Amino acid sequence: MKEINQILISPLVSEKTTKMAESNQYVFRVHPKANKKEIKKAIEDWYGVEVLEVKIIKIPPKKRRLGRISGWRKGYKKAIVKIKKGQRIELAPT
């Protein structure tokens, strides 16, 4: 897996992740087979910041129902990335 756009799928934006951004932590949805080293290199190359720490969380698939029809919501992998103090990642233009 070499391409940055294959490793980083999308940033996750919510109230919780916005608060985490104040403490230099950003959350991204990543490829299920990406490891910490690949994620760190992808963030540093794409955003031009220095990554201090990468934490990975695997979200399992969950069973969902709509009336009598039941199915599964897909699981995914997300990464919490801590960057050097004083640097920022601009996720959405304000």
N, C-alpha and C. Protein backbone atom coordinates (compact mmCIF):
# COMPACT_ATOMS: atom_id res chain seq x y z
N MET A 1 0.84 -1.17 0.00
CA MET A 1 0.00 0.00 0.00
C MET A 1 0.90 1.24 0.00
N LYS A 2 0.90 1.96 -1.08
CA LYS A 2 1.82 3.08 -1.23
C LYS A 2 1.12 4.44 -1.28
N GLU A 3 -0.02 4.53 -1.94
CA GLU A 3 -0.66 5.82 -2.19
C GLU A 3 -1.28 6.40 -0.92
N ILE A 4 -1.10 7.71 -0.74
CA ILE A 4 -1.65 8.39 0.43
C ILE A 4 -3.17 8.35 0.41
N ASN A 5 -3.77 8.53 -0.78
CA ASN A 5 -5.23 8.55 -0.85
C ASN A 5 -5.84 7.16 -0.64
N GLN A 6 -5.03 6.11 -0.66
CA GLN A 6 -5.52 4.78 -0.32
C GLN A 6 -5.46 4.55 1.19
N ILE A 7 -4.49 5.16 1.85
CA ILE A 7 -4.32 4.98 3.30
C ILE A 7 -5.32 5.86 4.06
N LEU A 8 -5.36 7.14 3.76
CA LEU A 8 -6.28 8.07 4.43
C LEU A 8 -7.58 8.13 3.65
N ILE A 9 -8.66 7.64 4.22
CA ILE A 9 -9.94 7.65 3.53
C ILE A 9 -10.63 9.00 3.71
N SER A 10 -10.77 9.44 4.97
CA SER A 10 -11.40 10.73 5.23
C SER A 10 -11.17 11.14 6.68
N PRO A 11 -11.20 12.44 6.95
CA PRO A 11 -11.16 12.88 8.35
C PRO A 11 -12.54 12.68 8.97
N LEU A 12 -12.58 12.35 10.25
CA LEU A 12 -13.85 12.23 10.96
C LEU A 12 -14.09 13.53 11.71
N VAL A 13 -15.22 14.16 11.43
CA VAL A 13 -15.54 15.45 12.05
C VAL A 13 -16.82 15.29 12.87
N SER A 14 -16.70 15.55 14.17
CA SER A 14 -17.83 15.52 15.09
C SER A 14 -17.52 16.50 16.22
N GLU A 15 -18.44 16.61 17.16
CA GLU A 15 -18.19 17.49 18.31
C GLU A 15 -16.97 17.01 19.09
N LYS A 16 -16.89 15.71 19.29
CA LYS A 16 -15.79 15.15 20.07
C LYS A 16 -14.45 15.36 19.36
N THR A 17 -14.38 15.12 18.05
CA THR A 17 -13.11 15.28 17.34
C THR A 17 -12.72 16.75 17.22
N THR A 18 -13.71 17.64 17.18
CA THR A 18 -13.41 19.07 17.15
C THR A 18 -12.77 19.51 18.46
N LYS A 19 -13.27 18.98 19.58
CA LYS A 19 -12.65 19.28 20.88
C LYS A 19 -11.24 18.70 20.97
N MET A 20 -11.05 17.51 20.39
CA MET A 20 -9.73 16.87 20.40
C MET A 20 -8.73 17.69 19.59
N ALA A 21 -9.20 18.38 18.55
CA ALA A 21 -8.31 19.18 17.71
C ALA A 21 -7.69 20.33 18.51
N GLU A 22 -8.36 20.78 19.56
CA GLU A 22 -7.81 21.84 20.40
C GLU A 22 -6.57 21.36 21.16
N SER A 23 -6.46 20.04 21.38
CA SER A 23 -5.28 19.48 22.05
C SER A 23 -4.36 18.77 21.04
N ASN A 24 -4.39 19.23 19.79
CA ASN A 24 -3.52 18.74 18.71
C ASN A 24 -3.72 17.27 18.39
N GLN A 25 -4.94 16.76 18.52
CA GLN A 25 -5.26 15.39 18.13
C GLN A 25 -6.33 15.42 17.05
N TYR A 26 -6.10 14.68 15.97
CA TYR A 26 -7.02 14.63 14.85
C TYR A 26 -7.39 13.18 14.56
N VAL A 27 -8.61 12.96 14.09
CA VAL A 27 -9.11 11.61 13.86
C VAL A 27 -9.39 11.42 12.37
N PHE A 28 -8.89 10.30 11.83
CA PHE A 28 -9.06 9.97 10.42
C PHE A 28 -9.59 8.56 10.28
N ARG A 29 -10.43 8.35 9.27
CA ARG A 29 -10.82 7.00 8.88
C ARG A 29 -9.74 6.50 7.94
N VAL A 30 -9.20 5.31 8.19
CA VAL A 30 -8.07 4.80 7.42
C VAL A 30 -8.38 3.43 6.82
N HIS A 31 -7.54 3.01 5.88
CA HIS A 31 -7.67 1.71 5.24
C HIS A 31 -7.54 0.61 6.29
N PRO A 32 -8.36 -0.45 6.20
CA PRO A 32 -8.32 -1.51 7.22
C PRO A 32 -6.97 -2.21 7.36
N LYS A 33 -6.15 -2.19 6.33
CA LYS A 33 -4.86 -2.88 6.41
C LYS A 33 -3.68 -1.93 6.65
N ALA A 34 -3.96 -0.64 6.86
CA ALA A 34 -2.89 0.33 7.10
C ALA A 34 -2.34 0.17 8.51
N ASN A 35 -1.01 0.32 8.65
CA ASN A 35 -0.41 0.24 9.99
C ASN A 35 0.01 1.64 10.45
N LYS A 36 0.52 1.73 11.67
CA LYS A 36 0.86 3.03 12.27
C LYS A 36 1.93 3.77 11.48
N LYS A 37 2.93 3.06 11.00
CA LYS A 37 4.01 3.72 10.25
C LYS A 37 3.50 4.31 8.95
N GLU A 38 2.64 3.58 8.23
CA GLU A 38 2.09 4.08 6.97
C GLU A 38 1.19 5.29 7.22
N ILE A 39 0.40 5.24 8.29
CA ILE A 39 -0.49 6.36 8.61
C ILE A 39 0.33 7.59 8.97
N LYS A 40 1.36 7.42 9.78
CA LYS A 40 2.22 8.54 10.18
C LYS A 40 2.87 9.19 8.96
N LYS A 41 3.41 8.38 8.05
CA LYS A 41 4.06 8.91 6.86
C LYS A 41 3.06 9.63 5.95
N ALA A 42 1.85 9.06 5.81
CA ALA A 42 0.82 9.66 4.97
C ALA A 42 0.40 11.03 5.51
N ILE A 43 0.20 11.15 6.83
CA ILE A 43 -0.20 12.43 7.43
C ILE A 43 0.91 13.46 7.26
N GLU A 44 2.15 13.06 7.51
CA GLU A 44 3.27 14.00 7.39
C GLU A 44 3.44 14.47 5.95
N ASP A 45 3.29 13.58 4.98
CA ASP A 45 3.44 13.97 3.57
C ASP A 45 2.27 14.82 3.09
N TRP A 46 1.05 14.45 3.46
CA TRP A 46 -0.15 15.13 2.95
C TRP A 46 -0.34 16.51 3.57
N TYR A 47 -0.19 16.60 4.90
CA TYR A 47 -0.48 17.86 5.60
C TYR A 47 0.77 18.65 5.98
N GLY A 48 1.95 18.07 5.87
CA GLY A 48 3.19 18.79 6.17
C GLY A 48 3.35 19.12 7.65
N VAL A 49 2.96 18.21 8.53
CA VAL A 49 3.10 18.41 9.97
C VAL A 49 3.94 17.27 10.55
N GLU A 50 4.42 17.47 11.78
CA GLU A 50 5.21 16.44 12.45
C GLU A 50 4.30 15.64 13.38
N VAL A 51 4.20 14.34 13.13
CA VAL A 51 3.34 13.46 13.92
C VAL A 51 4.13 12.90 15.09
N LEU A 52 3.58 13.05 16.31
CA LEU A 52 4.23 12.54 17.51
C LEU A 52 3.73 11.15 17.88
N GLU A 53 2.45 10.88 17.65
CA GLU A 53 1.86 9.62 18.12
C GLU A 53 0.68 9.24 17.25
N VAL A 54 0.51 7.93 17.02
CA VAL A 54 -0.64 7.41 16.27
C VAL A 54 -1.28 6.30 17.09
N LYS A 55 -2.58 6.42 17.32
CA LYS A 55 -3.35 5.37 18.00
C LYS A 55 -4.38 4.84 17.00
N ILE A 56 -4.57 3.53 16.97
CA ILE A 56 -5.49 2.91 16.02
C ILE A 56 -6.62 2.23 16.78
N ILE A 57 -7.85 2.42 16.27
CA ILE A 57 -9.03 1.80 16.86
C ILE A 57 -9.80 1.11 15.74
N LYS A 58 -10.15 -0.16 15.96
CA LYS A 58 -10.98 -0.89 15.00
C LYS A 58 -12.42 -0.89 15.51
N ILE A 59 -13.31 -0.30 14.73
CA ILE A 59 -14.73 -0.26 15.07
C ILE A 59 -15.39 -1.49 14.45
N PRO A 60 -15.99 -2.37 15.26
CA PRO A 60 -16.57 -3.60 14.70
C PRO A 60 -17.88 -3.33 13.96
N PRO A 61 -18.28 -4.24 13.06
CA PRO A 61 -19.59 -4.10 12.41
C PRO A 61 -20.71 -4.26 13.44
N LYS A 62 -21.83 -3.56 13.22
CA LYS A 62 -22.94 -3.64 14.16
C LYS A 62 -24.22 -4.05 13.42
N LYS A 63 -25.05 -4.80 14.10
CA LYS A 63 -26.30 -5.25 13.52
C LYS A 63 -27.32 -4.11 13.60
N ARG A 64 -28.02 -3.86 12.50
CA ARG A 64 -29.02 -2.80 12.43
C ARG A 64 -30.33 -3.36 11.88
N ARG A 65 -31.45 -2.76 12.30
CA ARG A 65 -32.76 -3.19 11.82
C ARG A 65 -33.54 -2.00 11.29
N LEU A 66 -34.33 -2.27 10.26
CA LEU A 66 -35.29 -1.30 9.74
C LEU A 66 -36.60 -2.06 9.56
N GLY A 67 -37.45 -2.00 10.57
CA GLY A 67 -38.66 -2.81 10.55
C GLY A 67 -38.31 -4.27 10.72
N ARG A 68 -38.77 -5.10 9.77
CA ARG A 68 -38.46 -6.53 9.83
C ARG A 68 -37.16 -6.87 9.14
N ILE A 69 -36.61 -5.92 8.41
CA ILE A 69 -35.38 -6.16 7.66
C ILE A 69 -34.19 -5.87 8.55
N SER A 70 -33.29 -6.84 8.66
CA SER A 70 -32.10 -6.62 9.46
C SER A 70 -30.87 -6.77 8.58
N GLY A 71 -29.82 -6.10 8.97
CA GLY A 71 -28.58 -6.15 8.21
C GLY A 71 -27.43 -5.72 9.10
N TRP A 72 -26.30 -5.48 8.47
CA TRP A 72 -25.10 -5.10 9.21
C TRP A 72 -24.56 -3.78 8.71
N ARG A 73 -24.16 -2.93 9.65
CA ARG A 73 -23.42 -1.72 9.30
C ARG A 73 -21.95 -2.11 9.27
N LYS A 74 -21.24 -1.65 8.27
CA LYS A 74 -19.85 -2.03 8.11
C LYS A 74 -18.99 -1.53 9.26
N GLY A 75 -17.99 -2.30 9.60
CA GLY A 75 -16.98 -1.86 10.55
C GLY A 75 -15.91 -1.08 9.81
N TYR A 76 -15.08 -0.36 10.55
CA TYR A 76 -14.01 0.41 9.93
C TYR A 76 -12.87 0.60 10.91
N LYS A 77 -11.80 1.20 10.44
CA LYS A 77 -10.62 1.45 11.26
C LYS A 77 -10.39 2.95 11.30
N LYS A 78 -10.13 3.48 12.49
CA LYS A 78 -9.84 4.91 12.59
C LYS A 78 -8.54 5.11 13.34
N ALA A 79 -7.89 6.23 13.06
CA ALA A 79 -6.61 6.55 13.68
C ALA A 79 -6.71 7.91 14.36
N ILE A 80 -6.22 7.97 15.59
CA ILE A 80 -6.11 9.23 16.31
C ILE A 80 -4.65 9.65 16.22
N VAL A 81 -4.42 10.81 15.62
CA VAL A 81 -3.06 11.28 15.33
C VAL A 81 -2.78 12.51 16.18
N LYS A 82 -1.69 12.46 16.94
CA LYS A 82 -1.26 13.61 17.75
C LYS A 82 -0.10 14.28 17.03
N ILE A 83 -0.21 15.61 16.83
CA ILE A 83 0.84 16.33 16.11
C ILE A 83 1.56 17.28 17.07
N LYS A 84 2.67 17.81 16.58
CA LYS A 84 3.52 18.70 17.39
C LYS A 84 2.75 19.96 17.77
N LYS A 85 2.99 20.44 18.99
CA LYS A 85 2.32 21.64 19.49
C LYS A 85 2.68 22.84 18.61
N GLY A 86 1.67 23.64 18.30
CA GLY A 86 1.88 24.82 17.47
C GLY A 86 1.56 24.59 16.00
N GLN A 87 1.40 23.34 15.60
CA GLN A 87 1.03 23.02 14.22
C GLN A 87 -0.46 22.71 14.15
N ARG A 88 -1.05 22.91 12.97
CA ARG A 88 -2.48 22.66 12.78
C ARG A 88 -2.71 21.91 11.49
N ILE A 89 -3.79 21.15 11.46
CA ILE A 89 -4.26 20.52 10.23
C ILE A 89 -5.58 21.19 9.89
N GLU A 90 -5.67 21.77 8.71
CA GLU A 90 -6.89 22.45 8.28
C GLU A 90 -7.78 21.42 7.59
N LEU A 91 -8.79 20.91 8.31
CA LEU A 91 -9.67 19.88 7.76
C LEU A 91 -10.75 20.47 6.87
N ALA A 92 -11.33 21.58 7.30
CA ALA A 92 -12.37 22.23 6.52
C ALA A 92 -12.10 23.73 6.52
N PRO A 93 -12.15 24.36 5.35
CA PRO A 93 -11.91 25.81 5.33
C PRO A 93 -13.01 26.55 6.07
N THR A 94 -12.61 27.53 6.88
CA THR A 94 -13.59 28.29 7.66
C THR A 94 -13.70 29.70 7.18
